[in-house]
Protein backbone atom coordinates (compact mmCIF):
# COMPACT_ATOMS: atom_id res chain seq x y z
CA MET A 1 -21.02 41.02 -2.30
CA ASP A 2 -22.56 38.97 -5.12
CA SER A 3 -21.68 35.61 -6.80
CA SER A 4 -20.79 35.78 -10.39
CA SER A 5 -20.75 33.03 -12.79
CA PRO A 6 -21.05 29.29 -11.82
CA VAL A 7 -17.99 27.01 -11.41
CA THR A 8 -16.78 24.80 -14.42
CA LEU A 9 -14.43 22.12 -14.92
CA GLU A 10 -12.15 24.39 -17.16
CA LYS A 11 -12.12 26.95 -14.24
CA ILE A 12 -11.09 24.24 -11.86
CA ILE A 13 -8.48 22.98 -14.18
CA SER A 14 -7.00 26.51 -14.52
CA LEU A 15 -6.96 27.39 -11.00
CA CYS A 16 -5.11 23.84 -10.15
CA LYS A 17 -2.31 24.57 -12.80
CA ARG A 18 -2.06 28.35 -11.84
CA LYS A 19 -1.94 27.93 -7.98
CA GLY A 20 0.18 24.56 -8.08
CA PHE A 21 -2.36 22.22 -7.02
CA VAL A 22 -2.05 19.77 -9.83
CA TYR A 23 0.04 19.47 -12.88
CA GLN A 24 -0.16 17.36 -16.07
CA SER A 25 2.24 14.50 -15.62
CA ALA A 26 5.34 14.53 -17.96
CA ASP A 27 3.95 17.82 -19.29
CA ILE A 28 7.25 18.90 -20.98
CA TYR A 29 7.10 15.77 -23.03
CA GLY A 30 3.44 16.19 -24.14
CA GLY A 31 1.94 14.71 -20.88
CA LEU A 32 0.41 11.38 -20.11
CA ASN A 33 -3.38 11.11 -20.54
CA GLY A 34 -5.11 10.20 -17.01
CA ILE A 35 -1.91 10.66 -15.20
CA TYR A 36 -1.30 13.83 -12.91
CA ASP A 37 1.15 15.07 -10.32
CA PHE A 38 0.51 17.03 -7.29
CA GLY A 39 2.24 20.16 -6.23
CA HIS A 40 2.70 21.72 -2.93
CA LEU A 41 -0.88 22.88 -2.21
CA GLY A 42 -2.11 19.64 -3.84
CA THR A 43 -0.12 17.51 -1.55
CA LEU A 44 -1.18 19.44 1.52
CA LEU A 45 -4.71 19.22 0.62
CA LYS A 46 -4.45 15.46 -0.02
CA ASN A 47 -2.69 14.97 3.33
CA ASN A 48 -5.66 16.69 4.98
CA ILE A 49 -8.00 14.42 3.26
CA ARG A 50 -6.34 11.29 4.32
CA LYS A 51 -6.11 12.68 7.78
CA THR A 52 -9.64 13.55 8.10
CA TRP A 53 -10.64 10.05 6.57
CA LEU A 54 -8.88 8.25 9.18
CA GLU A 55 -10.09 10.37 11.88
CA SER A 56 -13.65 9.56 10.69
CA ILE A 57 -13.60 5.84 10.72
CA TYR A 58 -11.69 5.72 14.01
CA THR A 59 -14.37 8.00 15.55
CA ALA A 60 -17.13 5.63 14.16
CA ASN A 61 -15.64 2.47 15.69
CA ASP A 62 -11.99 1.89 17.09
CA ASN A 63 -11.77 -1.69 16.32
CA ILE A 64 -9.90 -1.04 13.13
CA PHE A 65 -6.28 -1.91 12.01
CA LEU A 66 -4.22 -0.19 9.57
CA PHE A 67 -2.79 -1.80 6.55
CA GLU A 68 -0.68 -1.11 3.40
CA GLY A 69 -0.59 -3.55 0.58
CA SER A 70 1.86 -4.06 -2.33
CA LEU A 71 0.86 -2.33 -5.77
CA LEU A 72 2.01 -5.41 -7.63
CA GLY A 73 0.09 -8.59 -7.28
CA PRO A 74 0.50 -12.31 -8.85
CA GLU A 75 -1.70 -13.44 -11.50
CA PRO A 76 -3.42 -16.16 -9.28
CA VAL A 77 -4.68 -13.28 -6.97
CA TRP A 78 -6.61 -11.35 -9.75
CA LYS A 79 -7.87 -14.98 -11.17
CA ALA A 80 -9.28 -15.49 -7.78
CA SER A 81 -10.95 -12.14 -7.28
CA GLY A 82 -12.59 -12.31 -10.80
CA HIS A 83 -10.48 -9.57 -12.21
CA LEU A 84 -8.81 -11.50 -14.96
CA ASP A 85 -12.16 -12.68 -16.32
CA SER A 86 -14.56 -9.91 -15.66
CA PHE A 87 -12.74 -6.49 -15.29
CA HIS A 88 -13.66 -5.35 -18.63
CA ASP A 89 -15.06 -2.42 -20.40
CA PRO A 90 -16.53 -2.37 -23.76
CA MET A 91 -14.50 -0.55 -26.33
CA VAL A 92 -15.13 0.55 -29.90
CA ASP A 93 -12.73 2.46 -32.27
CA CYS A 94 -13.51 4.92 -35.15
CA MET A 95 -12.05 3.23 -38.37
CA ASN A 96 -11.66 6.75 -39.97
CA CYS A 97 -9.74 8.59 -37.22
CA LYS A 98 -8.70 5.73 -34.96
CA HIS A 99 -10.31 7.48 -31.91
CA ARG A 100 -11.25 5.00 -29.19
CA TYR A 101 -14.19 5.25 -27.09
CA ARG A 102 -16.22 3.20 -24.46
CA ALA A 103 -19.03 1.78 -26.23
CA ASP A 104 -21.40 2.39 -23.39
CA GLU A 105 -20.87 6.17 -23.44
CA ILE A 106 -21.71 6.97 -27.01
CA ASP A 107 -24.47 6.50 -29.37
CA LEU A 108 -23.20 3.97 -32.06
CA GLU A 109 -25.92 5.09 -34.30
CA LYS A 110 -24.40 8.56 -34.58
CA ALA A 111 -21.13 9.52 -36.25
CA CYS A 112 -17.86 9.79 -34.51
CA ALA A 113 -17.60 13.07 -32.48
CA HIS A 114 -13.99 13.43 -33.35
CA CYS A 115 -13.98 13.33 -37.07
CA GLY A 116 -17.86 13.10 -38.16
CA LYS A 117 -17.62 9.79 -39.77
CA LYS A 118 -19.76 6.78 -38.97
CA GLN A 119 -17.52 3.99 -39.27
CA TRP A 120 -17.28 1.82 -36.11
CA THR A 121 -15.49 -1.37 -35.27
CA ASP A 122 -17.15 -4.09 -33.58
CA ILE A 123 -17.46 -3.79 -29.70
CA LYS A 124 -14.59 -5.52 -27.93
CA ASN A 125 -13.98 -6.14 -24.29
CA PHE A 126 -11.04 -4.42 -22.93
CA ASN A 127 -9.42 -5.51 -19.72
CA MET A 128 -8.38 -2.59 -17.99
CA MET A 129 -5.42 -3.97 -15.62
CA PHE A 130 -1.81 -3.26 -16.31
CA LYS A 131 0.10 -6.28 -16.95
CA THR A 132 3.74 -6.76 -16.45
CA GLN A 133 6.48 -9.34 -15.89
CA VAL A 134 8.20 -9.77 -12.65
CA GLY A 135 11.83 -11.03 -12.90
CA ALA A 136 14.98 -10.27 -14.71
CA SER A 137 14.62 -12.93 -17.32
CA GLN A 138 11.68 -12.70 -19.48
CA GLU A 139 11.62 -16.55 -20.11
CA ASN A 140 11.39 -17.30 -16.16
CA ALA A 141 9.48 -14.14 -15.36
CA ALA A 142 6.10 -14.30 -13.60
CA VAL A 143 3.10 -12.40 -14.67
CA GLY A 144 2.16 -9.80 -12.57
CA TYR A 145 -0.49 -6.87 -12.51
CA LEU A 146 -0.68 -3.37 -10.94
CA ARG A 147 -3.70 -3.60 -8.60
CA PRO A 148 -6.79 -2.33 -9.83
CA GLU A 149 -8.18 -1.80 -6.50
CA THR A 150 -6.71 -1.98 -3.00
CA ALA A 151 -9.07 -4.38 -1.45
CA GLN A 152 -7.47 -7.93 -2.61
CA ALA A 153 -4.43 -7.05 -0.52
CA ILE A 154 -6.40 -6.95 2.44
CA PHE A 155 -8.28 -10.24 1.82
CA ILE A 156 -5.25 -12.20 1.03
CA ASN A 157 -3.71 -10.92 4.32
CA PHE A 158 -6.79 -11.38 6.29
CA LYS A 159 -5.41 -14.39 8.33
CA ASN A 160 -2.08 -12.52 9.04
CA VAL A 161 -4.01 -9.46 10.53
CA ILE A 162 -5.81 -11.70 12.78
CA SER A 163 -2.81 -13.64 13.77
CA THR A 164 -0.66 -10.61 14.68
CA ASN A 165 -3.34 -8.35 16.31
CA ARG A 166 -5.53 -9.09 19.16
CA VAL A 167 -8.52 -8.98 16.96
CA LYS A 168 -12.18 -9.74 17.89
CA MET A 169 -15.08 -9.67 15.44
CA PRO A 170 -16.40 -7.19 14.14
CA PHE A 171 -13.53 -5.39 13.04
CA GLY A 172 -12.17 -3.41 10.21
CA ILE A 173 -8.93 -3.23 8.04
CA ALA A 174 -8.28 0.24 6.60
CA GLN A 175 -5.92 1.08 3.77
CA ILE A 176 -4.93 4.18 1.82
CA GLY A 177 -3.00 3.42 -1.36
CA LYS A 178 -2.59 3.82 -5.12
CA ALA A 179 -4.42 1.72 -7.86
CA PHE A 180 -4.23 1.55 -11.35
CA ARG A 181 -6.84 1.11 -14.23
CA ASN A 182 -6.00 1.35 -17.92
CA GLU A 183 -9.21 3.43 -18.48
CA ILE A 184 -10.32 3.52 -22.37
CA ASN A 185 -10.94 7.17 -22.13
CA PRO A 186 -9.90 9.11 -18.90
CA LYS A 187 -11.84 12.17 -18.53
CA GLN A 188 -13.16 15.15 -16.60
CA PHE A 189 -9.69 15.90 -15.09
CA LEU A 190 -9.26 14.06 -11.77
CA PHE A 191 -12.76 12.38 -11.96
CA ARG A 192 -11.54 9.32 -14.06
CA MET A 193 -7.87 8.68 -13.97
CA ARG A 194 -5.43 5.78 -14.73
CA GLU A 195 -3.35 6.23 -11.75
CA PHE A 196 -5.41 7.15 -8.55
CA GLU A 197 -5.54 6.69 -4.78
CA GLN A 198 -8.20 5.05 -2.63
CA MET A 199 -9.25 4.87 0.77
CA GLU A 200 -10.87 1.89 1.68
CA LEU A 201 -12.26 0.22 4.81
CA GLU A 202 -13.07 -3.52 4.90
CA TRP A 203 -15.54 -4.39 7.79
CA PHE A 204 -15.62 -8.01 8.76
CA CYS A 205 -18.64 -9.22 10.69
CA LYS A 206 -21.00 -12.11 11.11
CA GLN A 207 -23.66 -12.62 8.30
CA GLU A 208 -26.56 -11.60 10.50
CA GLU A 209 -24.80 -8.36 11.38
CA ALA A 210 -24.02 -7.28 7.91
CA GLU A 211 -27.33 -5.39 7.13
CA HIS A 212 -26.96 -3.32 10.40
CA PHE A 213 -23.30 -2.66 9.62
CA PHE A 214 -24.05 -1.78 5.92
CA GLU A 215 -26.87 0.75 7.16
CA PHE A 216 -24.50 2.00 9.83
CA TRP A 217 -21.41 2.65 7.56
CA CYS A 218 -23.84 4.32 4.76
CA GLN A 219 -24.78 7.02 7.45
CA LYS A 220 -21.28 7.37 8.74
CA ARG A 221 -19.62 7.92 5.34
CA LEU A 222 -22.29 10.26 4.30
CA ALA A 223 -21.72 12.35 7.69
CA TYR A 224 -18.07 12.47 6.93
CA HIS A 225 -18.42 14.17 3.49
CA ALA A 226 -20.56 16.99 5.30
CA SER A 227 -17.98 17.13 8.11
CA ILE A 228 -15.17 18.11 5.73
CA GLY A 229 -17.36 21.02 4.29
CA ILE A 230 -19.08 19.65 1.40
CA ASP A 231 -22.54 21.05 0.88
CA PRO A 232 -25.18 18.52 2.21
CA ALA A 233 -27.59 19.83 -0.54
CA LYS A 234 -25.19 18.46 -3.15
CA LEU A 235 -24.69 15.01 -1.68
CA ARG A 236 -27.30 12.09 -1.85
CA LEU A 237 -27.24 8.38 -1.00
CA ARG A 238 -28.28 6.24 -3.81
CA PHE A 239 -29.21 2.65 -3.20
CA TYR A 240 -28.75 0.16 -6.19
CA GLU A 241 -31.78 -1.81 -7.66
CA LYS A 242 -31.40 -5.36 -7.58
CA SER A 243 -30.63 -5.25 -11.37
CA GLU A 244 -27.58 -3.19 -10.81
CA LEU A 245 -25.91 -5.32 -8.25
CA ALA A 246 -22.75 -7.34 -8.70
CA HIS A 247 -23.35 -10.93 -8.59
CA TYR A 248 -21.81 -11.30 -5.16
CA SER A 249 -23.34 -8.10 -3.63
CA GLN A 250 -26.19 -8.28 -1.13
CA ALA A 251 -26.59 -4.46 -1.26
CA THR A 252 -24.81 -1.52 -2.58
CA SER A 253 -25.10 2.35 -2.22
CA ASP A 254 -23.33 5.11 -3.70
CA ILE A 255 -22.82 8.62 -2.05
CA GLU A 256 -23.08 10.75 -5.07
CA TYR A 257 -22.24 14.42 -5.52
CA HIS A 258 -23.98 16.97 -7.93
CA PHE A 259 -21.12 17.97 -10.09
CA PRO A 260 -21.39 20.49 -12.89
CA PHE A 261 -21.62 17.35 -15.13
CA GLY A 262 -24.58 15.81 -13.24
CA TRP A 263 -24.90 13.38 -10.18
CA LYS A 264 -21.82 11.00 -9.79
CA GLU A 265 -20.53 8.59 -7.65
CA LEU A 266 -18.07 9.92 -4.82
CA GLU A 267 -18.04 6.97 -2.51
CA GLY A 268 -19.33 3.40 -2.77
CA ILE A 269 -20.63 1.23 0.28
CA ALA A 270 -21.09 -2.43 -0.51
CA HIS A 271 -22.44 -5.45 1.31
CA ARG A 272 -20.05 -7.79 -0.22
CA GLY A 273 -21.11 -11.12 1.50
CA ASN A 274 -18.30 -13.61 2.10
CA PHE A 275 -17.47 -13.87 -1.63
CA ASP A 276 -13.94 -12.42 -1.38
CA LEU A 277 -12.70 -14.57 1.30
CA SER A 278 -14.35 -17.57 -0.02
CA GLN A 279 -12.77 -17.17 -3.50
CA HIS A 280 -9.20 -16.85 -1.95
CA THR A 281 -9.89 -19.84 0.21
CA LYS A 282 -10.92 -21.88 -2.89
CA HIS A 283 -8.15 -20.60 -5.16
CA SER A 284 -5.04 -20.76 -2.55
CA GLY A 285 -6.25 -23.68 -0.70
CA LYS A 286 -5.94 -21.83 2.60
CA ASP A 287 -8.64 -21.69 5.20
CA LEU A 288 -9.75 -18.06 5.84
CA SER A 289 -12.38 -18.75 8.19
CA VAL A 290 -12.71 -17.53 11.68
CA TYR A 291 -13.24 -19.70 14.83
CA ASP A 292 -16.20 -18.43 16.99
CA GLU A 293 -15.57 -19.18 20.79
CA GLU A 294 -19.14 -18.72 21.49
CA THR A 295 -20.87 -20.97 18.93
CA LYS A 296 -17.67 -23.28 18.63
CA GLU A 297 -17.90 -23.14 15.02
CA SER A 298 -16.02 -21.76 12.21
CA SER A 299 -17.25 -19.59 9.37
CA ILE A 300 -16.04 -17.18 6.72
CA PRO A 301 -16.73 -13.63 7.54
CA THR A 302 -19.10 -11.21 5.72
CA VAL A 303 -17.47 -8.08 4.40
CA VAL A 304 -19.04 -4.39 4.32
CA GLU A 305 -16.85 -2.24 2.32
CA SER A 306 -16.59 1.58 1.89
CA SER A 307 -14.25 2.96 -0.76
CA VAL A 308 -13.59 6.54 -1.84
CA GLY A 309 -10.99 7.89 -4.11
CA VAL A 310 -8.71 10.50 -2.76
CA ASP A 311 -8.37 12.43 -6.11
CA ARG A 312 -12.07 12.40 -6.76
CA LEU A 313 -12.65 13.74 -3.28
CA PHE A 314 -10.10 16.36 -4.00
CA LEU A 315 -11.89 17.33 -7.06
CA THR A 316 -15.11 17.48 -5.24
CA LEU A 317 -13.79 19.55 -2.49
CA LEU A 318 -12.42 22.14 -5.21
CA PHE A 319 -15.83 22.30 -6.98
CA ASP A 320 -17.74 22.69 -3.83
CA ALA A 321 -15.45 25.39 -2.42
CA TYR A 322 -14.84 27.41 -5.56
CA GLU A 323 -16.71 30.86 -5.71
CA GLU A 324 -16.22 34.17 -7.79
CA GLN A 325 -17.39 36.94 -5.80
CA VAL A 326 -17.94 40.56 -7.00
CA VAL A 327 -17.06 42.61 -3.92
CA GLU A 328 -18.65 46.16 -3.49
CA GLY A 329 -16.09 48.82 -4.45
CA GLU A 330 -13.42 46.24 -5.23
CA GLU A 331 -12.49 43.83 -8.16
CA GLU A 332 -13.82 40.27 -8.52
CA ARG A 333 -12.21 37.82 -6.31
CA ILE A 334 -11.88 34.00 -6.54
CA VAL A 335 -12.22 32.20 -3.25
CA LEU A 336 -11.98 28.51 -2.00
CA HIS A 337 -14.34 28.23 0.93
CA PHE A 338 -12.55 25.23 2.34
CA ALA A 339 -13.42 24.00 5.70
CA PRO A 340 -10.57 24.76 7.97
CA ASN A 341 -9.67 21.34 8.72
CA ILE A 342 -9.19 20.58 4.92
CA ALA A 343 -7.56 24.06 3.93
CA PRO A 344 -3.96 23.43 2.70
CA ILE A 345 -2.72 26.52 4.26
CA LYS A 346 -4.30 27.39 7.56
CA ALA A 347 -3.08 31.04 8.01
CA ALA A 348 -1.01 33.74 6.35
CA PHE A 349 1.16 36.38 8.11
CA PHE A 350 1.72 39.63 6.52
CA PRO A 351 3.80 42.74 7.50
CA LEU A 352 2.28 45.82 6.41
CA SER A 353 5.59 46.95 5.25
CA LYS A 354 8.88 45.13 4.58
CA LYS A 355 10.39 47.47 7.29
CA LEU A 356 8.12 45.25 9.83
CA ASN A 357 9.36 41.67 8.32
CA GLU A 358 11.54 41.04 11.11
CA PRO A 359 8.82 41.05 14.15
CA MET A 360 6.46 39.45 11.88
CA LEU A 361 8.71 36.73 10.78
CA LYS A 362 9.45 36.10 14.64
CA ILE A 363 5.62 35.34 14.91
CA PHE A 364 5.49 33.46 11.90
CA HIS A 365 8.14 31.12 12.71
CA ALA A 366 6.71 30.56 16.29
CA ILE A 367 3.51 29.43 14.93
CA GLN A 368 5.06 27.23 12.06
CA LYS A 369 7.16 25.46 14.73
CA LYS A 370 3.87 24.35 16.48
CA GLY A 371 3.23 22.34 13.43
CA TYR A 372 0.76 24.66 11.51
CA SER A 373 0.96 24.86 7.62
CA VAL A 374 1.24 28.61 7.13
CA GLN A 375 2.68 31.15 4.99
CA PHE A 376 4.51 34.37 5.14
CA ASP A 377 4.09 37.02 2.24
CA ASP A 378 5.50 40.46 2.13
CA ALA A 379 5.01 41.02 -1.78
CA GLY A 380 2.41 43.55 -3.02
CA SER A 381 -0.27 45.54 -1.47
CA ILE A 382 -2.34 44.05 1.40
CA GLY A 383 -5.33 43.66 -1.01
CA LYS A 384 -3.24 41.58 -3.45
CA ARG A 385 -2.02 39.33 -0.75
CA TYR A 386 -5.75 38.84 0.63
CA ARG A 387 -6.59 37.79 -2.98
CA ARG A 388 -3.71 35.30 -3.17
CA GLN A 389 -4.83 33.67 -0.15
CA ASP A 390 -8.43 33.69 -0.86
CA GLU A 391 -7.62 31.71 -4.02
CA ILE A 392 -5.92 28.89 -2.43
CA GLY A 393 -8.45 28.75 0.42
CA THR A 394 -6.40 30.03 3.48
CA PRO A 395 -9.08 30.68 6.58
CA LEU A 396 -7.13 33.54 8.07
CA CYS A 397 -4.79 36.13 7.50
CA PHE A 398 -2.78 38.07 10.18
CA THR A 399 -1.25 41.55 9.48
CA TYR A 400 1.51 43.14 11.64
CA ASP A 401 1.33 46.94 11.22
CA PHE A 402 3.11 50.16 12.86
CA ASP A 403 0.47 50.22 15.63
CA SER A 404 1.59 46.60 16.51
CA GLU A 405 4.87 48.01 17.88
CA THR A 406 3.08 49.73 20.56
CA ASP A 407 -0.41 48.04 20.97
CA HIS A 408 1.09 44.56 20.83
CA LYS A 409 -1.74 43.59 18.70
CA VAL A 410 -2.24 42.33 14.89
CA THR A 411 -5.15 42.50 12.41
CA VAL A 412 -6.76 39.23 11.62
CA ARG A 413 -9.11 38.94 8.47
CA ASP A 414 -11.55 36.17 7.97
CA ARG A 415 -11.52 34.60 4.37
CA ASP A 416 -15.34 34.07 4.14
CA THR A 417 -16.84 37.21 5.73
CA MET A 418 -13.61 39.57 5.02
CA LYS A 419 -14.24 41.03 8.51
CA GLN A 420 -11.28 42.25 10.45
CA GLU A 421 -10.63 42.44 14.17
CA ARG A 422 -7.41 43.37 16.43
CA ILE A 423 -6.35 40.59 18.54
CA ALA A 424 -3.31 40.42 20.85
CA ILE A 425 -0.06 38.83 19.44
CA ASP A 426 0.09 36.33 22.45
CA HIS A 427 -3.59 35.24 21.36
CA ILE A 428 -2.70 34.44 17.85
CA GLU A 429 -2.28 30.62 18.52
CA SER A 430 -5.30 30.01 20.41
CA TYR A 431 -7.31 32.18 17.96
CA LEU A 432 -6.00 30.09 15.22
CA LYS A 433 -6.63 26.90 16.93
CA ASN A 434 -10.33 27.78 17.87
CA HIS A 435 -10.94 28.62 14.42
CA LEU A 436 -9.49 25.41 12.87
CA THR A 437 -11.48 23.29 15.48
CA LYS A 438 -14.94 25.08 15.40
CA LYS A 439 -17.87 23.35 14.08
CA GLU A 440 -19.38 25.06 10.85
């Protein structure tokens, strides 16, 4: 069994559309660049990503509270956070073909890659926030913005979380939710989008503890990505040089993955100091400090933030799991080697013949009622059914054959090794459970 050609972005895009992981949004109307819809398998995969992320932060520390902020925010929030004044990308247009580029991603000494002419406009700053008006009457409407990140909703609700929960520092507030950025040039499929989802943890602590927690969360977050099956050899932790840091940042690191298009950020961890709460204290006039019973003093907490995009992690998992194999004596197969805890479908159930549908459906429904995401398939040869499940990353396939009627066993086939064994029908659930929880 040999591996064939390497994975490419084009192969991942084709697989996603072919198997229903991801669709271009509004495709029948020509689509909308940087916006995507997720089908059945894609939704299941995203649910598993969210679930494992929550499990990972709770395992690291149980003093964490959940939060879900609104997508719209009033203008003063984004003034205080600095987004109105500084959330810009440099933009340049080709005067000949009107194609638009990020100025920091092209060589302006060269011609336009789209039309071959060298006729550039001056570089302009482009604010990436989506602006809207809130209210029925345009004259009286308030200016609002779709949030470009999820963190600010946590910061402006910091005191609400403290007052409504039994909170003791250090503690975290975790949120999963949508954010929106009007990217100049969305690219590389799900890597850079205009509408995306973030999983973010804001960890609040004393200033003197912040360096410890920054290092703590760097290691915990790196371990998370390995725990969901990503090849550790393709992960690295890159610490920013001082010249790279945002003005408020004490330290920042990126967990990077080696994509086919190079090492790119997968998750960011940042020691943000007390900048965010201080800014909102200043602009809102509300005191966001915390009183310390031990020192009898109030101070604004320091924040260590970890933030990862659900969609970018989704894309990373597909790249990392994808393999084309030439199986000896058989045709080539495409297989997604998802970790069992990530796989959208946990097991498939096949009757060898449609004459055996009834007993296999009974088994299938019993497992399905236990809460497992499973599929039943009776179409085509067993080989074709295996290939269909390999291509969507299903770890196990169970087959009910004519011998099952007498020996009360089924054949279970492993996705990665393709090895098969007979197990008792009444052992299927325990076998499946053990496989899904085993450590790789």
